[in-house]
PDB file of all heavy atoms in Angstrom:
ATOM      1  N   CYS A   1      -0.020 -10.815  -8.033  1.00  0.00           N
ATOM      2  CA  CYS A   1       1.371 -11.283  -7.981  1.00  0.00           C
ATOM      3  C   CYS A   1       2.257 -10.451  -8.905  1.00  0.00           C
ATOM      4  O   CYS A   1       3.413 -10.169  -8.582  1.00  0.00           O
ATOM      5  CB  CYS A   1       1.442 -12.752  -8.375  1.00  0.00           C
ATOM      6  SG  CYS A   1       0.848 -13.878  -7.094  1.00  0.00           S
ATOM      7  N   THR A   2       1.710 -10.059 -10.048  1.00  0.00           N
ATOM      8  CA  THR A   2       2.462  -9.208 -10.973  1.00  0.00           C
ATOM      9  C   THR A   2       2.766  -7.867 -10.328  1.00  0.00           C
ATOM     10  O   THR A   2       3.881  -7.340 -10.424  1.00  0.00           O
ATOM     11  CB  THR A   2       1.666  -8.990 -12.275  1.00  0.00           C
ATOM     12  OG1 THR A   2       1.383 -10.260 -12.876  1.00  0.00           O
ATOM     13  CG2 THR A   2       2.460  -8.143 -13.264  1.00  0.00           C
ATOM     14  N   PHE A   3       1.768  -7.314  -9.646  1.00  0.00           N
ATOM     15  CA  PHE A   3       1.958  -6.050  -8.928  1.00  0.00           C
ATOM     16  C   PHE A   3       3.031  -6.217  -7.854  1.00  0.00           C
ATOM     17  O   PHE A   3       3.930  -5.374  -7.713  1.00  0.00           O
ATOM     18  CB  PHE A   3       0.636  -5.619  -8.284  1.00  0.00           C
ATOM     19  CG  PHE A   3       0.689  -4.283  -7.602  1.00  0.00           C
ATOM     20  CD1 PHE A   3       0.237  -3.137  -8.243  1.00  0.00           C
ATOM     21  CD2 PHE A   3       1.192  -4.162  -6.311  1.00  0.00           C
ATOM     22  CE1 PHE A   3       0.289  -1.890  -7.624  1.00  0.00           C
ATOM     23  CE2 PHE A   3       1.251  -2.928  -5.681  1.00  0.00           C
ATOM     24  CZ  PHE A   3       0.802  -1.794  -6.338  1.00  0.00           C
ATOM     25  N   PHE A   4       2.953  -7.303  -7.096  1.00  0.00           N
ATOM     26  CA  PHE A   4       3.916  -7.554  -6.028  1.00  0.00           C
ATOM     27  C   PHE A   4       5.336  -7.693  -6.576  1.00  0.00           C
ATOM     28  O   PHE A   4       6.290  -7.126  -6.028  1.00  0.00           O
ATOM     29  CB  PHE A   4       3.521  -8.824  -5.274  1.00  0.00           C
ATOM     30  CG  PHE A   4       4.517  -9.232  -4.232  1.00  0.00           C
ATOM     31  CD1 PHE A   4       4.569  -8.579  -3.011  1.00  0.00           C
ATOM     32  CD2 PHE A   4       5.416 -10.261  -4.475  1.00  0.00           C
ATOM     33  CE1 PHE A   4       5.497  -8.949  -2.042  1.00  0.00           C
ATOM     34  CE2 PHE A   4       6.344 -10.636  -3.515  1.00  0.00           C
ATOM     35  CZ  PHE A   4       6.389  -9.983  -2.302  1.00  0.00           C
ATOM     36  N   ILE A   5       5.491  -8.430  -7.661  1.00  0.00           N
ATOM     37  CA  ILE A   5       6.814  -8.634  -8.252  1.00  0.00           C
ATOM     38  C   ILE A   5       7.386  -7.325  -8.775  1.00  0.00           C
ATOM     39  O   ILE A   5       8.580  -7.038  -8.615  1.00  0.00           O
ATOM     40  CB  ILE A   5       6.731  -9.673  -9.393  1.00  0.00           C
ATOM     41  CG1 ILE A   5       6.402 -11.052  -8.816  1.00  0.00           C
ATOM     42  CG2 ILE A   5       8.051  -9.732 -10.172  1.00  0.00           C
ATOM     43  CD1 ILE A   5       6.060 -12.087  -9.870  1.00  0.00           C
ATOM     44  N   ALA A   6       6.519  -6.522  -9.394  1.00  0.00           N
ATOM     45  CA  ALA A   6       6.981  -5.277 -10.009  1.00  0.00           C
ATOM     46  C   ALA A   6       7.354  -4.216  -8.980  1.00  0.00           C
ATOM     47  O   ALA A   6       8.293  -3.439  -9.186  1.00  0.00           O
ATOM     48  CB  ALA A   6       5.903  -4.734 -10.949  1.00  0.00           C
ATOM     49  N   HIS A   7       6.630  -4.169  -7.861  1.00  0.00           N
ATOM     50  CA  HIS A   7       6.814  -3.058  -6.922  1.00  0.00           C
ATOM     51  C   HIS A   7       7.236  -3.480  -5.510  1.00  0.00           C
ATOM     52  O   HIS A   7       7.482  -2.622  -4.653  1.00  0.00           O
ATOM     53  CB  HIS A   7       5.520  -2.244  -6.831  1.00  0.00           C
ATOM     54  CG  HIS A   7       5.091  -1.660  -8.134  1.00  0.00           C
ATOM     55  ND1 HIS A   7       5.833  -0.703  -8.784  1.00  0.00           N
ATOM     56  CD2 HIS A   7       3.997  -1.910  -8.923  1.00  0.00           C
ATOM     57  CE1 HIS A   7       5.211  -0.375  -9.917  1.00  0.00           C
ATOM     58  NE2 HIS A   7       4.107  -1.095 -10.022  1.00  0.00           N
ATOM     59  N   GLY A   8       7.304  -4.779  -5.271  1.00  0.00           N
ATOM     60  CA  GLY A   8       7.598  -5.252  -3.926  1.00  0.00           C
ATOM     61  C   GLY A   8       8.945  -4.822  -3.372  1.00  0.00           C
ATOM     62  O   GLY A   8       9.105  -4.650  -2.165  1.00  0.00           O
ATOM     63  N   ASN A   9       9.916  -4.612  -4.265  1.00  0.00           N
ATOM     64  CA  ASN A   9      11.263  -4.264  -3.785  1.00  0.00           C
ATOM     65  C   ASN A   9      11.387  -2.817  -3.322  1.00  0.00           C
ATOM     66  O   ASN A   9      12.339  -2.460  -2.620  1.00  0.00           O
ATOM     67  CB  ASN A   9      12.297  -4.536  -4.890  1.00  0.00           C
ATOM     68  CG  ASN A   9      12.068  -3.666  -6.114  1.00  0.00           C
ATOM     69  OD1 ASN A   9      10.938  -3.297  -6.409  1.00  0.00           O
ATOM     70  ND2 ASN A   9      13.128  -3.366  -6.827  1.00  0.00           N
ATOM     71  N   LYS A  10      10.421  -1.970  -3.720  1.00  0.00           N
ATOM     72  CA  LYS A  10      10.521  -0.558  -3.336  1.00  0.00           C
ATOM     73  C   LYS A  10       9.325  -0.061  -2.512  1.00  0.00           C
ATOM     74  O   LYS A  10       9.341   1.069  -2.008  1.00  0.00           O
ATOM     75  CB  LYS A  10      10.665   0.309  -4.587  1.00  0.00           C
ATOM     76  CG  LYS A  10       9.521   0.163  -5.576  1.00  0.00           C
ATOM     77  CD  LYS A  10       9.785   0.981  -6.840  1.00  0.00           C
ATOM     78  CE  LYS A  10       8.693   0.756  -7.868  1.00  0.00           C
ATOM     79  NZ  LYS A  10       8.950   1.500  -9.118  1.00  0.00           N
ATOM     80  N   ALA A  11       8.319  -0.904  -2.395  1.00  0.00           N
ATOM     81  CA  ALA A  11       7.122  -0.487  -1.653  1.00  0.00           C
ATOM     82  C   ALA A  11       7.249  -0.827  -0.178  1.00  0.00           C
ATOM     83  O   ALA A  11       8.052  -1.660   0.232  1.00  0.00           O
ATOM     84  CB  ALA A  11       5.887  -1.159  -2.241  1.00  0.00           C
ATOM     85  N   GLU A  12       6.431  -0.150   0.611  1.00  0.00           N
ATOM     86  CA  GLU A  12       6.446  -0.325   2.068  1.00  0.00           C
ATOM     87  C   GLU A  12       5.040  -0.648   2.548  1.00  0.00           C
ATOM     88  O   GLU A  12       4.056  -0.083   2.057  1.00  0.00           O
ATOM     89  CB  GLU A  12       6.946   0.961   2.728  1.00  0.00           C
ATOM     90  CG  GLU A  12       6.962   0.930   4.239  1.00  0.00           C
ATOM     91  CD  GLU A  12       7.354   2.281   4.830  1.00  0.00           C
ATOM     92  OE1 GLU A  12       7.806   3.156   4.071  1.00  0.00           O
ATOM     93  OE2 GLU A  12       7.177   2.455   6.056  1.00  0.00           O
ATOM     94  N   HIS A  13       4.934  -1.564   3.495  1.00  0.00           N
ATOM     95  CA  HIS A  13       3.625  -1.937   4.010  1.00  0.00           C
ATOM     96  C   HIS A  13       3.129  -0.904   5.018  1.00  0.00           C
ATOM     97  O   HIS A  13       3.847  -0.512   5.933  1.00  0.00           O
ATOM     98  CB  HIS A  13       3.681  -3.303   4.691  1.00  0.00           C
ATOM     99  CG  HIS A  13       2.379  -3.708   5.303  1.00  0.00           C
ATOM    100  ND1 HIS A  13       2.094  -3.540   6.639  1.00  0.00           N
ATOM    101  CD2 HIS A  13       1.259  -4.241   4.743  1.00  0.00           C
ATOM    102  CE1 HIS A  13       0.875  -3.972   6.889  1.00  0.00           C
ATOM    103  NE2 HIS A  13       0.338  -4.406   5.765  1.00  0.00           N
ATOM    104  N   TYR A  14       1.888  -0.459   4.818  1.00  0.00           N
ATOM    105  CA  TYR A  14       1.229   0.466   5.731  1.00  0.00           C
ATOM    106  C   TYR A  14       0.175  -0.295   6.523  1.00  0.00           C
ATOM    107  O   TYR A  14      -0.598  -1.070   5.963  1.00  0.00           O
ATOM    108  CB  TYR A  14       0.531   1.590   4.965  1.00  0.00           C
ATOM    109  CG  TYR A  14       1.436   2.677   4.431  1.00  0.00           C
ATOM    110  CD1 TYR A  14       0.917   3.657   3.567  1.00  0.00           C
ATOM    111  CD2 TYR A  14       2.776   2.766   4.775  1.00  0.00           C
ATOM    112  CE1 TYR A  14       1.727   4.667   3.069  1.00  0.00           C
ATOM    113  CE2 TYR A  14       3.589   3.765   4.289  1.00  0.00           C
ATOM    114  CZ  TYR A  14       3.068   4.713   3.430  1.00  0.00           C
ATOM    115  OH  TYR A  14       3.869   5.707   2.929  1.00  0.00           O
ATOM    116  N   THR A  15       0.094  -0.032   7.805  1.00  0.00           N
ATOM    117  CA  THR A  15      -0.959  -0.626   8.630  1.00  0.00           C
ATOM    118  C   THR A  15      -2.289   0.051   8.304  1.00  0.00           C
ATOM    119  O   THR A  15      -2.331   1.074   7.610  1.00  0.00           O
ATOM    120  CB  THR A  15      -0.656  -0.437  10.126  1.00  0.00           C
ATOM    121  OG1 THR A  15      -0.642   0.974  10.414  1.00  0.00           O
ATOM    122  CG2 THR A  15       0.678  -1.060  10.493  1.00  0.00           C
ATOM    123  N   VAL A  16      -3.366  -0.515   8.828  1.00  0.00           N
ATOM    124  CA  VAL A  16      -4.702   0.043   8.581  1.00  0.00           C
ATOM    125  C   VAL A  16      -4.777   1.499   9.034  1.00  0.00           C
ATOM    126  O   VAL A  16      -5.301   2.363   8.317  1.00  0.00           O
ATOM    127  CB  VAL A  16      -5.778  -0.790   9.309  1.00  0.00           C
ATOM    128  CG1 VAL A  16      -7.149  -0.140   9.138  1.00  0.00           C
ATOM    129  CG2 VAL A  16      -5.794  -2.208   8.785  1.00  0.00           C
ATOM    130  N   LYS A  17      -4.269   1.798  10.222  1.00  0.00           N
ATOM    131  CA  LYS A  17      -4.332   3.161  10.752  1.00  0.00           C
ATOM    132  C   LYS A  17      -3.573   4.145   9.870  1.00  0.00           C
ATOM    133  O   LYS A  17      -4.041   5.263   9.627  1.00  0.00           O
ATOM    134  CB  LYS A  17      -3.770   3.198  12.179  1.00  0.00           C
ATOM    135  CG  LYS A  17      -4.671   2.536  13.207  1.00  0.00           C
ATOM    136  CD  LYS A  17      -4.111   2.694  14.610  1.00  0.00           C
ATOM    137  CE  LYS A  17      -5.040   2.074  15.643  1.00  0.00           C
ATOM    138  NZ  LYS A  17      -4.519   2.223  17.030  1.00  0.00           N
ATOM    139  N   VAL A  18      -2.423   3.728   9.388  1.00  0.00           N
ATOM    140  CA  VAL A  18      -1.630   4.607   8.521  1.00  0.00           C
ATOM    141  C   VAL A  18      -2.346   4.833   7.198  1.00  0.00           C
ATOM    142  O   VAL A  18      -2.390   5.955   6.676  1.00  0.00           O
ATOM    143  CB  VAL A  18      -0.227   4.007   8.277  1.00  0.00           C
ATOM    144  CG1 VAL A  18       0.549   4.849   7.254  1.00  0.00           C
ATOM    145  CG2 VAL A  18       0.546   3.912   9.579  1.00  0.00           C
ATOM    146  N   ARG A  19      -2.940   3.774   6.653  1.00  0.00           N
ATOM    147  CA  ARG A  19      -3.672   3.908   5.394  1.00  0.00           C
ATOM    148  C   ARG A  19      -4.833   4.883   5.540  1.00  0.00           C
ATOM    149  O   ARG A  19      -5.072   5.730   4.675  1.00  0.00           O
ATOM    150  CB  ARG A  19      -4.190   2.533   4.936  1.00  0.00           C
ATOM    151  CG  ARG A  19      -3.095   1.556   4.548  1.00  0.00           C
ATOM    152  CD  ARG A  19      -3.637   0.432   3.690  1.00  0.00           C
ATOM    153  NE  ARG A  19      -4.561  -0.450   4.355  1.00  0.00           N
ATOM    154  CZ  ARG A  19      -4.236  -1.632   4.892  1.00  0.00           C
ATOM    155  NH1 ARG A  19      -2.973  -2.042   4.887  1.00  0.00           N
ATOM    156  NH2 ARG A  19      -5.143  -2.395   5.449  1.00  0.00           N
ATOM    157  N   GLN A  20      -5.565   4.746   6.629  1.00  0.00           N
ATOM    158  CA  GLN A  20      -6.712   5.628   6.862  1.00  0.00           C
ATOM    159  C   GLN A  20      -6.271   7.072   7.079  1.00  0.00           C
ATOM    160  O   GLN A  20      -7.003   8.004   6.741  1.00  0.00           O
ATOM    161  CB  GLN A  20      -7.509   5.133   8.069  1.00  0.00           C
ATOM    162  CG  GLN A  20      -8.205   3.806   7.824  1.00  0.00           C
ATOM    163  CD  GLN A  20      -8.865   3.268   9.076  1.00  0.00           C
ATOM    164  OE1 GLN A  20      -8.577   3.692  10.197  1.00  0.00           O
ATOM    165  NE2 GLN A  20      -9.775   2.303   8.912  1.00  0.00           N
ATOM    166  N   MET A  21      -5.087   7.244   7.610  1.00  0.00           N
ATOM    167  CA  MET A  21      -4.571   8.585   7.846  1.00  0.00           C
ATOM    168  C   MET A  21      -4.219   9.275   6.523  1.00  0.00           C
ATOM    169  O   MET A  21      -4.434  10.464   6.351  1.00  0.00           O
ATOM    170  CB  MET A  21      -3.332   8.510   8.737  1.00  0.00           C
ATOM    171  CG  MET A  21      -2.693   9.857   9.060  1.00  0.00           C
ATOM    172  SD  MET A  21      -1.307   9.675  10.193  1.00  0.00           S
ATOM    173  CE  MET A  21      -0.139   8.775   9.155  1.00  0.00           C
ATOM    174  N   TYR A  22      -3.705   8.497   5.575  1.00  0.00           N
ATOM    175  CA  TYR A  22      -3.270   9.061   4.298  1.00  0.00           C
ATOM    176  C   TYR A  22      -4.408   9.243   3.294  1.00  0.00           C
ATOM    177  O   TYR A  22      -4.421  10.191   2.517  1.00  0.00           O
ATOM    178  CB  TYR A  22      -2.200   8.176   3.664  1.00  0.00           C
ATOM    179  CG  TYR A  22      -0.818   8.400   4.230  1.00  0.00           C
ATOM    180  CD1 TYR A  22      -0.071   7.333   4.736  1.00  0.00           C
ATOM    181  CD2 TYR A  22      -0.248   9.671   4.256  1.00  0.00           C
ATOM    182  CE1 TYR A  22       1.196   7.524   5.251  1.00  0.00           C
ATOM    183  CE2 TYR A  22       1.017   9.875   4.775  1.00  0.00           C
ATOM    184  CZ  TYR A  22       1.741   8.809   5.269  1.00  0.00           C
ATOM    185  OH  TYR A  22       3.002   9.020   5.784  1.00  0.00           O
ATOM    186  N   ILE A  23      -5.348   8.296   3.268  1.00  0.00           N
ATOM    187  CA  ILE A  23      -6.400   8.356   2.249  1.00  0.00           C
ATOM    188  C   ILE A  23      -7.707   7.783   2.791  1.00  0.00           C
ATOM    189  O   ILE A  23      -7.699   6.773   3.506  1.00  0.00           O
ATOM    190  CB  ILE A  23      -5.961   7.587   0.984  1.00  0.00           C
ATOM    191  CG1 ILE A  23      -6.928   7.850  -0.167  1.00  0.00           C
ATOM    192  CG2 ILE A  23      -5.818   6.101   1.250  1.00  0.00           C
ATOM    193  CD1 ILE A  23      -6.404   7.368  -1.501  1.00  0.00           C
ATOM    194  N   ARG A  24      -8.804   8.435   2.465  1.00  0.00           N
ATOM    195  CA  ARG A  24     -10.101   8.001   2.973  1.00  0.00           C
ATOM    196  C   ARG A  24     -10.760   6.960   2.070  1.00  0.00           C
ATOM    197  O   ARG A  24     -11.437   6.062   2.550  1.00  0.00           O
ATOM    198  CB  ARG A  24     -11.030   9.214   3.118  1.00  0.00           C
ATOM    199  CG  ARG A  24     -10.595  10.192   4.203  1.00  0.00           C
ATOM    200  CD  ARG A  24     -11.602  11.320   4.324  1.00  0.00           C
ATOM    201  NE  ARG A  24     -11.223  12.267   5.370  1.00  0.00           N
ATOM    202  CZ  ARG A  24     -11.920  13.349   5.674  1.00  0.00           C
ATOM    203  NH1 ARG A  24     -13.060  13.616   5.020  1.00  0.00           N
ATOM    204  NH2 ARG A  24     -11.507  14.170   6.640  1.00  0.00           N
ATOM    205  N   ASP A  25     -10.594   7.139   0.756  1.00  0.00           N
ATOM    206  CA  ASP A  25     -11.298   6.264  -0.185  1.00  0.00           C
ATOM    207  C   ASP A  25     -10.310   5.642  -1.163  1.00  0.00           C
ATOM    208  O   ASP A  25      -9.973   6.228  -2.189  1.00  0.00           O
ATOM    209  CB  ASP A  25     -12.367   7.069  -0.937  1.00  0.00           C
ATOM    210  CG  ASP A  25     -13.277   6.179  -1.777  1.00  0.00           C
ATOM    211  OD1 ASP A  25     -13.038   4.954  -1.814  1.00  0.00           O
ATOM    212  OD2 ASP A  25     -14.217   6.697  -2.400  1.00  0.00           O
ATOM    213  N   VAL A  26      -9.853   4.429  -0.859  1.00  0.00           N
ATOM    214  CA  VAL A  26      -8.890   3.757  -1.729  1.00  0.00           C
ATOM    215  C   VAL A  26      -9.548   3.308  -3.031  1.00  0.00           C
ATOM    216  O   VAL A  26      -8.889   3.199  -4.075  1.00  0.00           O
ATOM    217  CB  VAL A  26      -8.249   2.563  -0.998  1.00  0.00           C
ATOM    218  CG1 VAL A  26      -9.263   1.458  -0.754  1.00  0.00           C
ATOM    219  CG2 VAL A  26      -7.062   2.021  -1.791  1.00  0.00           C
ATOM    220  N   THR A  27     -10.864   3.063  -2.990  1.00  0.00           N
ATOM    221  CA  THR A  27     -11.585   2.676  -4.205  1.00  0.00           C
ATOM    222  C   THR A  27     -11.507   3.781  -5.254  1.00  0.00           C
ATOM    223  O   THR A  27     -11.294   3.529  -6.441  1.00  0.00           O
ATOM    224  CB  THR A  27     -13.066   2.366  -3.883  1.00  0.00           C
ATOM    225  OG1 THR A  27     -13.124   1.262  -2.984  1.00  0.00           O
ATOM    226  CG2 THR A  27     -13.840   2.022  -5.144  1.00  0.00           C
TER     227      THR A  27
END
């Protein structure tokens, strides 16, 4: 929730396909 409050106003939601396209290992 702290992360969401701090960055929610400027961040954008990526779908699964978009996430996989940008980065292979989020861990």
